[in-house]
């Protein structure tokens, strides 16, 4: 049987930073208020002419190099983003493919907000296990600054830009295989976190009058409550389904949305402090890019070793959520 292995990770972070003190000059807020409510201290912001695909390309190049693969060995590229280069087409994945010199490969975007990376991980796993693909490049890339209203205190303090990428490859070794991926959604909660205008549901001639509707909008308190409850249960379900205990997880890598959510979920699952990976303070919420960016930090700090089990967990607009049990399985020559 053919299994799917998580071979490599890469990330890119824009050089510009936006601090809490910077935001205090833009809206009625303070470093103390933001830190207490979110745990965020800084977020990185792309240059005006820097596109989502540019960031995704840079992250993908690192992931390819660490996987020991060339562009012509990739047969599928999937990008998770809610801030694509173009409104409808071409997809950001096709632009990234062209930037990397990848030709004749399947390439498409998916929109699952902050759960996007877990969704593309599930897609890669399914394509590889079916025998349809051998090497899949998955990317989470976001230029959220482009869809953030910097006059809205409830959202502008949260979001940043960045990209992460991973290579998922076929293997015949079960011990290297991705153990399980859970994904789910509930559209009845769609109004908790959304960008209401700009699509076919709103008239284009009304956009000038309703420009604020083209930015992200969130009902923070309601989202927080649903997120904690849903994430905790989803993790319990995937651990139970696979006969794994929380203490056996080497690295719990949740979506980096808000420190209070991460702590509430971690405490409910009885995760030890050293198990939980935290990057929210320096990057903020980078939606579909947050989990791969966090994995990359762990890797570059020398804390992610071959064979160690990662538990990924995310929740986002849609509403969508998902979790995954993923052993890190780099190529043997990279170990």
Protein backbone atom coordinates (compact mmCIF):
# COMPACT_ATOMS: atom_id res chain seq x y z
CA UNK A 1 0.00 0.00 0.00
CA UNK A 2 1.08 3.57 -0.72
CA UNK A 3 1.11 5.96 2.25
CA UNK A 4 1.57 9.73 2.52
CA UNK A 5 4.57 11.11 4.43
CA UNK A 6 5.21 14.66 5.66
CA UNK A 7 8.69 15.23 4.19
CA UNK A 8 9.60 18.87 4.65
CA UNK A 9 8.57 22.32 5.81
CA UNK A 10 9.41 25.86 4.77
CA UNK A 11 8.13 29.35 5.52
CA UNK A 12 8.47 32.98 4.59
CA UNK A 13 7.80 36.00 6.79
CA UNK A 14 7.70 39.57 5.41
CA UNK A 15 10.31 41.93 6.80
CA UNK A 16 7.93 44.72 7.87
CA UNK A 17 6.47 44.53 11.38
CA UNK A 18 3.38 46.14 12.86
CA UNK A 19 3.56 46.40 16.65
CA UNK A 20 0.82 46.94 19.17
CA UNK A 21 2.16 50.44 19.74
CA UNK A 22 1.87 51.11 16.00
CA UNK A 23 -1.77 50.03 16.10
CA UNK A 24 -2.43 52.27 19.11
CA UNK A 25 -1.72 55.22 16.81
CA UNK A 26 -4.34 53.98 14.34
CA UNK A 27 -7.26 52.87 16.54
CA UNK A 28 -8.37 53.18 20.16
CA UNK A 29 -6.25 50.43 21.68
CA UNK A 30 -3.03 49.81 23.59
CA UNK A 31 -0.25 47.25 23.86
CA UNK A 32 -1.61 46.16 27.25
CA UNK A 33 -5.17 45.70 25.93
CA UNK A 34 -4.08 43.69 22.87
CA UNK A 35 -1.62 41.53 24.79
CA UNK A 36 -4.14 40.70 27.52
CA UNK A 37 -6.90 39.74 25.09
CA UNK A 38 -4.89 37.99 22.36
CA UNK A 39 -1.28 37.38 23.37
CA UNK A 40 -0.16 39.12 20.18
CA UNK A 41 2.76 41.58 20.31
CA UNK A 42 3.71 42.00 16.64
CA UNK A 43 2.60 40.86 13.20
CA UNK A 44 4.47 40.95 9.88
CA UNK A 45 3.08 42.91 6.94
CA UNK A 46 3.89 42.37 3.26
CA UNK A 47 5.09 45.20 1.05
CA UNK A 48 2.41 46.88 -1.02
CA UNK A 49 3.63 45.20 -4.22
CA UNK A 50 4.29 41.82 -2.54
CA UNK A 51 1.57 39.32 -3.50
CA UNK A 52 0.33 36.20 -1.75
CA UNK A 53 1.93 34.12 -4.51
CA UNK A 54 5.31 35.80 -3.93
CA UNK A 55 5.28 34.74 -0.29
CA UNK A 56 4.00 31.26 -1.14
CA UNK A 57 6.74 30.82 -3.74
CA UNK A 58 9.49 31.70 -1.27
CA UNK A 59 8.16 29.27 1.33
CA UNK A 60 7.73 26.54 -1.29
CA UNK A 61 11.32 26.88 -2.54
CA UNK A 62 12.60 26.14 0.96
CA UNK A 63 10.26 23.15 1.36
CA UNK A 64 11.36 21.71 -2.00
CA UNK A 65 15.04 22.09 -1.14
CA UNK A 66 14.59 20.43 2.25
CA UNK A 67 12.67 17.58 0.62
CA UNK A 68 15.49 17.06 -1.86
CA UNK A 69 13.10 17.42 -4.80
CA UNK A 70 13.23 19.37 -8.05
CA UNK A 71 10.29 21.23 -9.54
CA UNK A 72 9.68 18.59 -12.21
CA UNK A 73 9.15 15.94 -9.51
CA UNK A 74 6.07 17.74 -8.10
CA UNK A 75 2.82 16.50 -9.64
CA UNK A 76 0.31 18.56 -7.65
CA UNK A 77 0.25 21.99 -5.98
CA UNK A 78 -2.56 23.02 -3.64
CA UNK A 79 -2.70 26.43 -1.97
CA UNK A 80 -4.91 27.35 0.99
CA UNK A 81 -5.68 31.07 0.99
CA UNK A 82 -8.46 33.57 1.61
CA UNK A 83 -6.34 36.40 0.17
CA UNK A 84 -5.52 35.16 -3.36
CA UNK A 85 -3.70 37.27 -5.93
CA UNK A 86 -6.81 37.45 -8.09
CA UNK A 87 -10.53 37.60 -7.30
CA UNK A 88 -11.50 34.58 -9.43
CA UNK A 89 -8.67 33.37 -11.61
CA UNK A 90 -5.95 32.36 -12.09
CA UNK A 91 -5.54 30.48 -8.84
CA UNK A 92 -2.64 31.40 -6.59
CA UNK A 93 -1.44 27.79 -6.88
CA UNK A 94 -0.99 28.11 -10.66
CA UNK A 95 0.96 31.35 -10.21
CA UNK A 96 3.22 29.70 -7.63
CA UNK A 97 3.67 26.70 -9.93
CA UNK A 98 4.77 28.99 -12.75
CA UNK A 99 7.16 30.83 -10.44
CA UNK A 100 8.75 27.51 -9.47
CA UNK A 101 8.92 26.15 -13.01
CA UNK A 102 6.42 23.38 -12.25
CA UNK A 103 4.68 22.35 -15.47
CA UNK A 104 1.82 19.98 -16.32
CA UNK A 105 0.91 19.50 -12.67
CA UNK A 106 -2.51 19.70 -11.08
CA UNK A 107 -2.79 23.09 -9.32
CA UNK A 108 -5.66 24.74 -7.49
CA UNK A 109 -6.62 26.83 -4.45
CA UNK A 110 -8.96 25.97 -1.62
CA UNK A 111 -10.79 28.35 0.72
CA UNK A 112 -11.21 27.06 4.27
CA UNK A 113 -9.90 30.13 6.12
CA UNK A 114 -7.75 29.31 9.16
CA UNK A 115 -8.30 25.55 8.71
CA UNK A 116 -6.91 25.74 5.19
CA UNK A 117 -3.60 23.99 5.80
CA UNK A 118 -5.29 20.98 7.40
CA UNK A 119 -7.69 20.81 4.45
CA UNK A 120 -4.84 20.79 1.90
CA UNK A 121 -3.03 18.19 4.02
CA UNK A 122 -6.12 15.97 3.79
CA UNK A 123 -6.29 16.50 0.03
CA UNK A 124 -2.62 15.59 -0.43
CA UNK A 125 -3.02 12.48 1.71
CA UNK A 126 -6.04 11.31 -0.28
CA UNK A 127 -4.44 11.86 -3.69
CA UNK A 128 -1.27 10.04 -2.67
CA UNK A 129 -2.99 7.11 -0.98
CA UNK A 130 -5.23 6.66 -4.02
CA UNK A 131 -2.12 6.30 -6.16
CA UNK A 132 -2.97 9.34 -8.29
CA UNK A 133 0.00 11.48 -7.15
CA UNK A 134 3.51 10.93 -5.78
CA UNK A 135 4.77 14.32 -4.59
CA UNK A 136 2.35 17.04 -3.53
CA UNK A 137 3.37 20.58 -2.61
CA UNK A 138 0.91 22.13 -0.15
CA UNK A 139 0.97 25.81 0.76
CA UNK A 140 -0.77 28.12 3.18
CA UNK A 141 -0.20 31.73 2.14
CA UNK A 142 -1.95 34.90 3.23
CA UNK A 143 -1.73 38.63 2.65
CA UNK A 144 -4.41 39.39 5.22
CA UNK A 145 -3.34 43.02 5.40
CA UNK A 146 -5.05 43.39 2.01
CA UNK A 147 -8.45 42.42 3.46
CA UNK A 148 -8.10 43.96 6.92
CA UNK A 149 -9.89 47.16 7.87
CA UNK A 150 -7.38 49.17 9.90
CA UNK A 151 -10.20 51.25 11.36
CA UNK A 152 -11.82 48.18 12.93
CA UNK A 153 -10.24 47.58 16.33
CA UNK A 154 -11.85 44.17 16.64
CA UNK A 155 -9.98 42.70 13.67
CA UNK A 156 -6.95 44.82 12.76
CA UNK A 157 -5.13 43.85 15.95
CA UNK A 158 -5.28 40.16 15.05
CA UNK A 159 -4.04 39.57 11.53
CA UNK A 160 -0.66 39.38 9.81
CA UNK A 161 0.91 38.14 6.58
CA UNK A 162 3.13 35.18 5.77
CA UNK A 163 3.38 31.78 4.11
CA UNK A 164 4.26 28.20 4.90
CA UNK A 165 4.72 25.17 2.65
CA UNK A 166 5.27 21.44 2.97
CA UNK A 167 6.03 18.52 0.68
CA UNK A 168 3.91 15.39 1.12
CA UNK A 169 5.30 12.34 -0.68
CA UNK A 170 4.43 8.71 -1.26
CA UNK A 171 6.07 6.06 0.92
CA UNK A 172 5.68 2.33 1.44
CA UNK A 173 6.72 2.60 5.09
CA UNK A 174 3.70 2.77 7.40
CA UNK A 175 5.74 4.20 10.26
CA UNK A 176 6.37 7.32 8.12
CA UNK A 177 2.72 7.79 7.20
CA UNK A 178 0.36 10.58 8.18
CA UNK A 179 -1.81 8.82 10.75
CA UNK A 180 -5.12 10.62 10.31
CA UNK A 181 -6.73 13.89 9.27
CA UNK A 182 -10.16 15.14 10.37
CA UNK A 183 -11.93 18.01 8.58
CA UNK A 184 -15.42 19.38 9.11
CA UNK A 185 -17.61 22.46 8.73
CA UNK A 186 -20.87 24.07 9.80
CA UNK A 187 -22.17 26.83 7.53
CA UNK A 188 -24.89 27.84 9.96
CA UNK A 189 -22.22 29.82 11.81
CA UNK A 190 -21.00 31.60 8.64
CA UNK A 191 -21.85 35.08 9.91
CA UNK A 192 -19.42 34.82 12.85
CA UNK A 193 -16.38 35.35 10.62
CA UNK A 194 -16.73 36.50 7.02
CA UNK A 195 -16.04 39.02 4.26
CA UNK A 196 -19.65 39.78 3.31
CA UNK A 197 -19.20 41.67 0.02
CA UNK A 198 -17.22 41.28 -3.19
CA UNK A 199 -18.60 37.96 -4.41
CA UNK A 200 -21.66 37.02 -6.42
CA UNK A 201 -23.84 37.56 -3.35
CA UNK A 202 -23.40 41.33 -3.53
CA UNK A 203 -23.89 43.64 -6.47
CA UNK A 204 -20.59 45.01 -7.79
CA UNK A 205 -22.09 48.45 -8.31
CA UNK A 206 -22.70 48.64 -4.56
CA UNK A 207 -19.11 47.99 -3.55
CA UNK A 208 -18.08 51.65 -3.47
CA UNK A 209 -20.85 52.30 -0.96
CA UNK A 210 -20.15 49.16 1.02
CA UNK A 211 -16.36 49.01 0.87
CA UNK A 212 -16.12 48.02 4.54
CA UNK A 213 -17.91 44.81 3.62
CA UNK A 214 -14.95 43.73 1.50
CA UNK A 215 -12.85 43.43 4.65
CA UNK A 216 -12.94 40.67 7.25
CA UNK A 217 -15.65 41.01 9.87
CA UNK A 218 -15.84 38.98 13.07
CA UNK A 219 -18.11 38.48 16.06
CA UNK A 220 -15.29 37.92 18.49
CA UNK A 221 -16.98 36.67 21.65
CA UNK A 222 -19.23 34.19 19.84
CA UNK A 223 -16.32 32.92 17.72
CA UNK A 224 -14.17 32.40 20.83
CA UNK A 225 -16.80 30.23 22.55
CA UNK A 226 -17.49 28.04 19.52
CA UNK A 227 -13.77 27.70 18.76
CA UNK A 228 -12.78 26.43 22.22
CA UNK A 229 -15.65 23.95 22.39
CA UNK A 230 -15.20 22.65 18.83
CA UNK A 231 -11.41 22.39 18.85
CA UNK A 232 -11.31 20.56 22.17
CA UNK A 233 -13.85 17.97 21.03
CA UNK A 234 -12.21 17.52 17.63
CA UNK A 235 -8.84 16.76 19.21
CA UNK A 236 -10.39 14.34 21.66
CA UNK A 237 -12.11 12.56 18.77
CA UNK A 238 -8.99 12.14 16.63
CA UNK A 239 -6.88 10.95 19.58
CA UNK A 240 -9.52 8.44 20.66
CA UNK A 241 -10.07 7.20 17.11
CA UNK A 242 -6.38 6.38 16.79
CA UNK A 243 -5.72 5.09 20.30
CA UNK A 244 -3.29 7.89 21.15
CA UNK A 245 -3.11 9.74 24.47
CA UNK A 246 -2.43 13.46 24.72
CA UNK A 247 0.74 12.81 26.73
CA UNK A 248 2.14 10.82 23.78
CA UNK A 249 2.07 13.88 21.49
CA UNK A 250 5.48 15.46 20.98
CA UNK A 251 4.25 18.76 19.56
CA UNK A 252 0.74 20.21 19.79
CA UNK A 253 0.62 22.82 17.01
CA UNK A 254 -2.68 24.69 17.03
CA UNK A 255 -3.76 27.47 14.72
CA UNK A 256 -2.22 30.64 16.11
CA UNK A 257 -5.31 32.82 16.41
CA UNK A 258 -5.41 33.90 20.03
CA UNK A 259 -3.39 32.84 23.06
CA UNK A 260 -6.52 32.54 25.21
CA UNK A 261 -8.06 30.03 22.79
CA UNK A 262 -4.83 28.02 22.61
CA UNK A 263 -4.48 27.96 26.41
CA UNK A 264 -8.12 27.01 26.96
CA UNK A 265 -7.88 24.11 24.51
CA UNK A 266 -4.47 23.00 25.80
CA UNK A 267 -5.67 23.03 29.40
CA UNK A 268 -8.85 21.11 28.53
CA UNK A 269 -6.72 18.44 26.84
CA UNK A 270 -4.19 18.40 29.71
CA UNK A 271 -1.31 19.29 27.41
CA UNK A 272 1.96 20.10 29.13
CA UNK A 273 3.40 23.55 28.49
CA UNK A 274 6.40 22.12 26.64
CA UNK A 275 4.10 20.26 24.22
CA UNK A 276 2.36 23.40 22.99
CA UNK A 277 3.95 25.36 20.14
CA UNK A 278 3.30 29.12 20.34
CA UNK A 279 4.11 31.71 17.68
CA UNK A 280 1.03 33.94 17.99
CA UNK A 281 2.96 36.62 19.90
CA UNK A 282 5.28 37.42 17.01
CA UNK A 283 3.16 36.64 13.93
CA UNK A 284 -0.44 37.17 15.01
CA UNK A 285 -3.13 35.27 13.11
CA UNK A 286 -1.93 34.38 9.60
CA UNK A 287 -4.94 32.17 8.83
CA UNK A 288 -4.02 29.21 6.57
CA UNK A 289 -0.32 30.03 6.90
CA UNK A 290 -0.17 29.91 10.69
CA UNK A 291 0.29 26.18 11.26
CA UNK A 292 3.06 25.64 8.66
CA UNK A 293 4.80 28.82 9.88
CA UNK A 294 4.71 27.42 13.42
CA UNK A 295 6.03 24.04 12.26
CA UNK A 296 8.84 25.82 10.42
CA UNK A 297 9.84 27.76 13.54
CA UNK A 298 9.96 24.51 15.47
CA UNK A 299 12.11 22.92 12.74
CA UNK A 300 14.53 25.85 12.43
CA UNK A 301 14.97 25.95 16.20
CA UNK A 302 16.11 22.32 16.03
CA UNK A 303 13.15 21.11 18.10
CA UNK A 304 11.43 18.96 15.45
CA UNK A 305 13.07 15.56 14.99
CA UNK A 306 12.37 12.69 12.61
CA UNK A 307 9.64 10.41 13.89
CA UNK A 308 8.17 12.90 16.37
CA UNK A 309 4.38 13.14 16.37
CA UNK A 310 2.71 16.45 15.60
CA UNK A 311 -0.91 17.13 16.51
CA UNK A 312 -2.33 19.92 14.33
CA UNK A 313 -5.57 21.67 15.20
CA UNK A 314 -7.36 24.60 13.53
CA UNK A 315 -10.65 26.49 13.41
CA UNK A 316 -11.70 29.15 10.92
CA UNK A 317 -14.36 31.04 9.02
CA UNK A 318 -17.02 28.99 7.33
CA UNK A 319 -17.09 27.74 9.98
CA UNK A 320 -14.45 25.10 9.33
CA UNK A 321 -12.27 23.05 11.64
CA UNK A 322 -9.88 20.14 11.52
CA UNK A 323 -7.11 18.20 13.18
CA UNK A 324 -4.30 15.91 12.08
CA UNK A 325 -1.84 13.40 13.53
CA UNK A 326 1.38 13.76 11.57
CA UNK A 327 4.77 12.17 12.24
CA UNK A 328 7.65 14.22 10.86
CA UNK A 329 9.28 12.02 8.22
CA UNK A 330 12.09 13.89 6.43
CA UNK A 331 14.15 12.16 3.74
CA UNK A 332 16.76 9.93 5.35
CA UNK A 333 19.64 12.00 4.00
CA UNK A 334 18.13 15.07 5.73
CA UNK A 335 17.86 13.48 9.18
